[in-house]
Amino acid sequence: MTPAIQVRELAKNYGEVPALGGVSFEVAQGEFFGLLGPNGAGKSTTLNILAGLTRPSSGFARVMGYDVVSQFRLSRRNLGVVPQEVSTDRLMSIWKTLKIQAGLFGVRKPGPWIEELLQRLYLWEHRNKLGHELSGGMKRRLLVAKALVHKPPVVILDEPTAGVDVELRREFWAFIREIHAAGTTILLTTHYLDEAEDGCERIGILGRGQILALEKTEDLLKRHSDRELRLRFEKPLPQVPLSLREFSAQLLEGGRVLSLRTKGKEDREAFWRRLADLGIAPVDVEVKRPDLEDVFLELTRGRGERQPKELGV
């Protein structure tokens, strides 16, 4: 089956500054794929090339088998894009905006589908409002409707919930799960890594214009086996035992809690042997397994990119 998205050795230079350095990945039809990376990693450049807004310096990209440069009309007809930046016509109603958008893609008699979109995105009662009358949440939902008005088989979601309140995020993802279940291919970029971990079947992580990881979400999490342990003791420890300091151990709560990190099974077994040798036993142990945020930071730390503000680093 033809991949929904195919990227091969994609490179892009802005003058002497490289933005992408030979990126390759594929997204299968019907897949929910996450493309993640810090600011400046090359995500926006990749998406702009897929949408036909930027031409690659070398390599190629295809949407549903159509080259984004030489077959732009066909590739773009198969693609819907929900952009990161919110932009609406201040003096045009929601209904007219969607009707014009449908016309740009040659959709005939779009009325029934526009009505269904507005109903499902909770915009029907606002369909005659002008752009300047819409709230931020309404504008976000309108962008989703614009991306879907021509019923594309592939949809790009570029930071779709940035600045969106909790309730709207919940409604938005319920709708996205519906269209994905119906067969729509989704490519997501987001700084909210919990969204990627919950929704994406596979993840590609970009760093400085290169793919750092590309695999199933569950395999990516298993491959990075760090564990954070928090041991609580009945009596406070006066200091971190010397034999445990290599585990980045530190005392919390006045010495009653020992926090440390281990890497892999052998590392954990070594820690428990040393703890037994010390003759001290915790009354409680809390284990924190790595999530996608941990993996993301491990892969991108020290590569010179700015980390997302949402990660608190």
Protein backbone atom coordinates (compact mmCIF):
# COMPACT_ATOMS: atom_id res chain seq x y z
CA MET A 1 0.00 0.00 0.00
CA THR A 2 1.23 3.49 -0.85
CA PRO A 3 2.42 5.35 2.26
CA ALA A 4 0.27 8.29 3.30
CA ILE A 5 3.47 10.33 3.76
CA GLN A 6 6.87 9.44 2.38
CA VAL A 7 9.97 11.52 3.14
CA ARG A 8 13.37 10.53 1.69
CA GLU A 9 16.72 12.20 2.41
CA LEU A 10 14.95 15.52 2.78
CA ALA A 11 17.34 18.46 3.13
CA LYS A 12 16.73 22.18 3.31
CA ASN A 13 19.27 25.00 3.56
CA TYR A 14 18.51 28.65 4.15
CA GLY A 15 21.60 30.18 2.61
CA GLU A 16 24.47 28.51 4.43
CA VAL A 17 22.28 27.51 7.37
CA PRO A 18 21.05 23.89 7.25
CA ALA A 19 17.51 23.35 8.60
CA LEU A 20 17.20 19.70 7.57
CA GLY A 21 20.06 17.32 6.91
CA GLY A 22 18.69 14.25 5.15
CA VAL A 23 15.51 13.35 7.02
CA SER A 24 13.71 10.12 6.09
CA PHE A 25 10.52 8.58 7.45
CA GLU A 26 7.19 7.15 6.31
CA VAL A 27 3.67 7.30 7.71
CA ALA A 28 1.33 4.46 6.78
CA GLN A 29 -2.23 5.06 5.69
CA GLY A 30 -4.48 5.21 8.74
CA GLU A 31 -1.57 5.69 11.15
CA PHE A 32 -1.38 8.22 14.00
CA PHE A 33 2.21 9.47 13.85
CA GLY A 34 4.00 11.97 16.07
CA LEU A 35 6.86 14.18 14.84
CA LEU A 36 8.50 15.69 17.91
CA GLY A 37 11.53 17.83 18.64
CA PRO A 38 12.71 20.96 20.44
CA ASN A 39 12.33 24.42 18.96
CA GLY A 40 14.68 24.72 15.99
CA ALA A 41 14.84 20.97 15.36
CA GLY A 42 13.34 21.18 11.85
CA LYS A 43 9.68 20.28 12.46
CA SER A 44 8.21 23.43 10.91
CA THR A 45 10.48 23.16 7.87
CA THR A 46 9.39 19.55 7.34
CA LEU A 47 5.70 20.44 7.62
CA ASN A 48 6.09 23.45 5.31
CA ILE A 49 7.67 21.21 2.67
CA LEU A 50 4.84 18.67 2.99
CA ALA A 51 2.28 21.48 2.62
CA GLY A 52 4.08 22.89 -0.43
CA LEU A 53 5.00 26.16 1.27
CA THR A 54 8.76 25.52 1.08
CA ARG A 55 10.82 23.71 -1.53
CA PRO A 56 13.45 21.22 -0.38
CA SER A 57 17.08 21.72 -1.32
CA SER A 58 17.36 17.99 -2.03
CA GLY A 59 15.48 14.76 -1.41
CA PHE A 60 11.74 14.43 -1.86
CA ALA A 61 8.44 14.25 -0.01
CA ARG A 62 5.17 12.67 -1.15
CA VAL A 63 1.60 12.71 0.12
CA MET A 64 -0.47 9.67 -0.91
CA GLY A 65 2.16 8.97 -3.56
CA TYR A 66 2.11 12.47 -5.07
CA ASP A 67 5.30 14.53 -5.08
CA VAL A 68 4.81 17.77 -3.14
CA VAL A 69 6.75 19.77 -5.76
CA SER A 70 6.08 18.28 -9.21
CA GLN A 71 2.51 17.14 -8.32
CA PHE A 72 1.63 19.91 -5.90
CA ARG A 73 -2.10 20.15 -6.69
CA LEU A 74 -2.67 16.43 -6.20
CA SER A 75 -0.55 16.21 -3.06
CA ARG A 76 -2.22 19.25 -1.50
CA ARG A 77 -5.68 17.95 -2.40
CA ASN A 78 -4.94 14.91 -0.24
CA LEU A 79 -3.70 16.94 2.70
CA GLY A 80 -5.40 19.01 5.39
CA VAL A 81 -3.31 21.26 7.63
CA VAL A 82 -4.28 22.65 11.02
CA PRO A 83 -1.61 25.36 11.47
CA GLN A 84 -0.04 26.46 14.72
CA GLU A 85 -0.74 30.14 14.15
CA VAL A 86 -4.37 31.24 14.53
CA SER A 87 -5.43 33.36 11.56
CA THR A 88 -8.98 34.17 10.43
CA ASP A 89 -10.61 36.77 8.18
CA ARG A 90 -11.98 39.35 10.58
CA LEU A 91 -14.85 40.36 8.29
CA MET A 92 -15.95 36.94 7.00
CA SER A 93 -18.41 34.59 8.66
CA ILE A 94 -17.56 31.03 9.62
CA TRP A 95 -19.95 29.65 7.01
CA LYS A 96 -18.57 31.78 4.19
CA THR A 97 -14.96 31.02 5.20
CA LEU A 98 -15.58 27.29 4.90
CA LYS A 99 -17.54 27.62 1.66
CA ILE A 100 -14.66 29.54 0.05
CA GLN A 101 -12.13 27.06 1.42
CA ALA A 102 -14.10 24.18 -0.08
CA GLY A 103 -14.23 26.00 -3.40
CA LEU A 104 -10.45 26.35 -3.46
CA PHE A 105 -10.24 22.55 -3.52
CA GLY A 106 -12.97 22.15 -6.13
CA VAL A 107 -15.55 20.71 -3.74
CA ARG A 108 -19.06 20.90 -5.19
CA LYS A 109 -22.11 21.31 -2.98
CA PRO A 110 -20.14 21.42 0.28
CA GLY A 111 -23.12 22.55 2.37
CA PRO A 112 -24.07 19.21 4.03
CA TRP A 113 -20.47 18.41 5.01
CA ILE A 114 -19.87 21.96 6.29
CA GLU A 115 -22.99 21.66 8.44
CA GLU A 116 -21.81 18.31 9.83
CA LEU A 117 -18.37 19.72 10.62
CA LEU A 118 -19.84 22.72 12.41
CA GLN A 119 -22.19 20.53 14.40
CA ARG A 120 -19.41 18.19 15.52
CA LEU A 121 -17.05 21.06 16.35
CA TYR A 122 -19.74 22.95 18.33
CA LEU A 123 -19.73 25.88 15.88
CA TRP A 124 -23.14 25.51 14.25
CA GLU A 125 -24.87 28.17 16.33
CA HIS A 126 -21.98 30.54 15.61
CA ARG A 127 -21.89 29.95 11.84
CA ASN A 128 -22.88 33.53 10.96
CA LYS A 129 -20.41 35.20 13.31
CA LEU A 130 -17.58 37.20 11.75
CA GLY A 131 -13.94 36.43 12.43
CA HIS A 132 -13.46 39.31 14.87
CA GLU A 133 -16.42 38.08 16.93
CA LEU A 134 -14.94 34.63 17.58
CA SER A 135 -13.26 33.56 20.80
CA GLY A 136 -9.82 31.94 20.71
CA GLY A 137 -11.37 28.50 21.09
CA MET A 138 -13.80 29.11 18.22
CA LYS A 139 -10.94 30.20 15.98
CA ARG A 140 -9.04 27.01 16.78
CA ARG A 141 -12.06 24.88 15.89
CA LEU A 142 -12.55 26.85 12.69
CA LEU A 143 -8.98 25.99 11.66
CA VAL A 144 -9.81 22.31 12.13
CA ALA A 145 -12.93 22.67 10.00
CA LYS A 146 -10.96 24.44 7.25
CA ALA A 147 -8.43 21.60 7.20
CA LEU A 148 -11.17 18.98 6.86
CA VAL A 149 -13.62 20.73 4.56
CA HIS A 150 -12.29 18.92 1.45
CA LYS A 151 -12.23 15.53 3.25
CA PRO A 152 -8.48 14.87 2.93
CA PRO A 153 -7.17 11.38 3.77
CA VAL A 154 -4.12 12.89 5.55
CA VAL A 155 -4.21 15.62 8.21
CA ILE A 156 -1.32 17.51 9.80
CA LEU A 157 -1.91 18.88 13.30
CA ASP A 158 0.76 21.47 14.09
CA GLU A 159 0.63 22.28 17.82
CA PRO A 160 -3.19 22.09 17.64
CA THR A 161 -3.92 22.67 21.34
CA ALA A 162 -1.35 25.37 22.14
CA GLY A 163 -3.05 27.87 24.42
CA VAL A 164 -6.30 25.90 24.49
CA ASP A 165 -8.19 25.35 27.75
CA VAL A 166 -8.67 21.90 29.26
CA GLU A 167 -12.30 21.44 28.20
CA LEU A 168 -11.62 22.38 24.60
CA ARG A 169 -8.62 20.06 24.51
CA ARG A 170 -10.84 17.21 25.65
CA GLU A 171 -13.46 17.95 22.96
CA PHE A 172 -10.80 18.43 20.30
CA TRP A 173 -9.12 15.07 20.95
CA ALA A 174 -12.45 13.26 21.08
CA PHE A 175 -13.16 14.56 17.57
CA ILE A 176 -9.66 13.73 16.28
CA ARG A 177 -9.98 10.18 17.61
CA GLU A 178 -13.27 9.86 15.69
CA ILE A 179 -11.80 10.88 12.33
CA HIS A 180 -8.73 8.72 12.93
CA ALA A 181 -10.93 5.71 13.71
CA ALA A 182 -12.72 6.38 10.41
CA GLY A 183 -9.40 5.99 8.54
CA THR A 184 -7.83 9.45 8.44
CA THR A 185 -4.03 9.50 8.74
CA ILE A 186 -2.80 11.93 11.40
CA LEU A 187 0.63 13.55 11.68
CA LEU A 188 0.96 15.42 14.97
CA THR A 189 3.53 17.87 16.27
CA THR A 190 3.10 18.99 19.85
CA HIS A 191 5.02 20.20 22.91
CA TYR A 192 2.42 18.53 25.14
CA LEU A 193 4.13 15.17 25.23
CA ASP A 194 1.30 13.49 27.12
CA GLU A 195 -0.85 14.01 24.00
CA ALA A 196 1.73 12.28 21.82
CA GLU A 197 2.18 9.43 24.28
CA ASP A 198 -1.58 8.86 24.54
CA GLY A 199 -2.41 9.11 20.84
CA CYS A 200 0.56 8.26 18.62
CA GLU A 201 1.25 4.74 17.45
CA ARG A 202 4.75 5.67 16.28
CA ILE A 203 7.00 8.62 17.00
CA GLY A 204 9.87 10.31 15.20
CA ILE A 205 12.07 12.63 17.23
CA LEU A 206 13.98 15.36 15.39
CA GLY A 207 17.09 17.15 16.62
CA ARG A 208 19.19 19.68 14.66
CA GLY A 209 17.60 18.57 11.40
CA GLN A 210 18.23 14.85 11.96
CA ILE A 211 16.02 11.94 13.01
CA LEU A 212 17.20 10.86 16.49
CA ALA A 213 14.60 8.13 17.00
CA LEU A 214 11.89 6.52 14.88
CA GLU A 215 9.88 3.65 16.33
CA LYS A 216 6.67 2.53 17.98
CA THR A 217 5.79 4.58 21.03
CA GLU A 218 5.76 1.57 23.35
CA ASP A 219 9.15 0.38 22.04
CA LEU A 220 10.64 3.84 22.44
CA LEU A 221 9.58 3.91 26.08
CA LYS A 222 10.90 0.38 26.72
CA ARG A 223 14.28 1.14 25.15
CA HIS A 224 14.96 3.91 27.63
CA SER A 225 14.87 2.01 30.87
CA ASP A 226 15.78 4.67 33.43
CA ARG A 227 13.86 4.42 36.68
CA GLU A 228 13.49 7.00 39.40
CA LEU A 229 13.30 5.39 42.83
CA ARG A 230 12.12 7.11 45.99
CA LEU A 231 12.82 5.21 49.19
CA ARG A 232 11.23 6.30 52.46
CA PHE A 233 12.90 5.41 55.74
CA GLU A 234 11.48 5.29 59.25
CA LYS A 235 14.50 7.14 60.62
CA PRO A 236 16.17 9.98 58.69
CA LEU A 237 19.52 9.29 57.03
CA PRO A 238 22.22 11.78 58.07
CA GLN A 239 23.75 11.79 54.57
CA VAL A 240 23.76 9.91 51.26
CA PRO A 241 25.88 6.76 51.75
CA LEU A 242 29.10 6.95 49.75
CA SER A 243 28.40 3.68 47.90
CA LEU A 244 25.08 5.08 46.56
CA ARG A 245 26.29 8.43 45.27
CA GLU A 246 26.95 7.15 41.73
CA PHE A 247 23.16 6.76 41.35
CA SER A 248 22.69 10.57 41.57
CA ALA A 249 21.11 9.99 44.96
CA GLN A 250 19.86 12.88 47.07
CA LEU A 251 18.04 13.19 50.37
CA LEU A 252 14.61 14.82 50.63
CA GLU A 253 12.22 15.61 53.46
CA GLY A 254 14.90 16.00 56.07
CA GLY A 255 16.60 12.73 55.19
CA ARG A 256 13.53 10.52 55.35
CA VAL A 257 13.38 10.08 51.53
CA LEU A 258 16.24 8.98 49.28
CA SER A 259 15.72 9.83 45.59
CA LEU A 260 17.92 8.26 42.91
CA ARG A 261 18.00 7.09 39.29
CA THR A 262 19.01 3.70 37.88
CA LYS A 263 19.71 2.64 34.30
CA GLY A 264 18.64 -0.86 33.39
CA LYS A 265 18.16 -4.10 35.29
CA GLU A 266 21.84 -4.61 36.22
CA ASP A 267 22.08 -1.10 37.61
CA ARG A 268 19.02 -1.67 39.80
CA GLU A 269 20.32 -5.01 41.06
CA ALA A 270 23.64 -3.39 41.98
CA PHE A 271 21.81 -0.69 43.92
CA TRP A 272 19.74 -3.16 45.95
CA ARG A 273 22.87 -5.21 46.78
CA ARG A 274 24.65 -2.12 48.06
CA LEU A 275 21.62 -1.07 50.09
CA ALA A 276 21.51 -4.53 51.68
CA ASP A 277 25.24 -4.32 52.47
CA LEU A 278 24.58 -1.07 54.31
CA GLY A 279 22.01 -2.81 56.48
CA ILE A 280 19.29 -0.21 55.95
CA ALA A 281 15.79 -1.04 54.75
CA PRO A 282 13.14 1.37 53.48
CA VAL A 283 9.57 1.25 54.75
CA ASP A 284 8.20 2.26 51.34
CA VAL A 285 9.47 2.35 47.74
CA GLU A 286 7.99 4.40 44.89
CA VAL A 287 9.08 3.62 41.31
CA LYS A 288 8.60 6.14 38.51
CA ARG A 289 8.98 4.61 35.07
CA PRO A 290 10.05 6.79 32.13
CA ASP A 291 7.40 8.58 30.13
CA LEU A 292 7.79 10.23 26.74
CA GLU A 293 9.03 13.44 28.35
CA ASP A 294 11.95 11.56 29.93
CA VAL A 295 12.84 9.91 26.62
CA PHE A 296 12.53 13.21 24.75
CA LEU A 297 14.86 15.01 27.14
CA GLU A 298 17.38 12.16 27.11
CA LEU A 299 17.58 12.19 23.31
CA THR A 300 17.68 15.97 22.82
CA ARG A 301 19.61 17.21 25.86
CA GLY A 302 22.99 18.68 25.04
CA ARG A 303 22.30 19.09 21.32
CA GLY A 304 22.05 22.86 21.43
CA GLU A 305 18.32 23.20 20.87
CA ARG A 306 16.01 25.16 23.12
CA GLN A 307 13.71 22.84 25.03
CA PRO A 308 9.94 23.47 24.98
CA LYS A 309 8.69 25.79 27.70
CA GLU A 310 5.92 23.32 28.50
CA LEU A 311 8.57 20.90 29.77
CA GLY A 312 9.70 23.36 32.39
CA VAL A 313 13.40 23.33 31.44
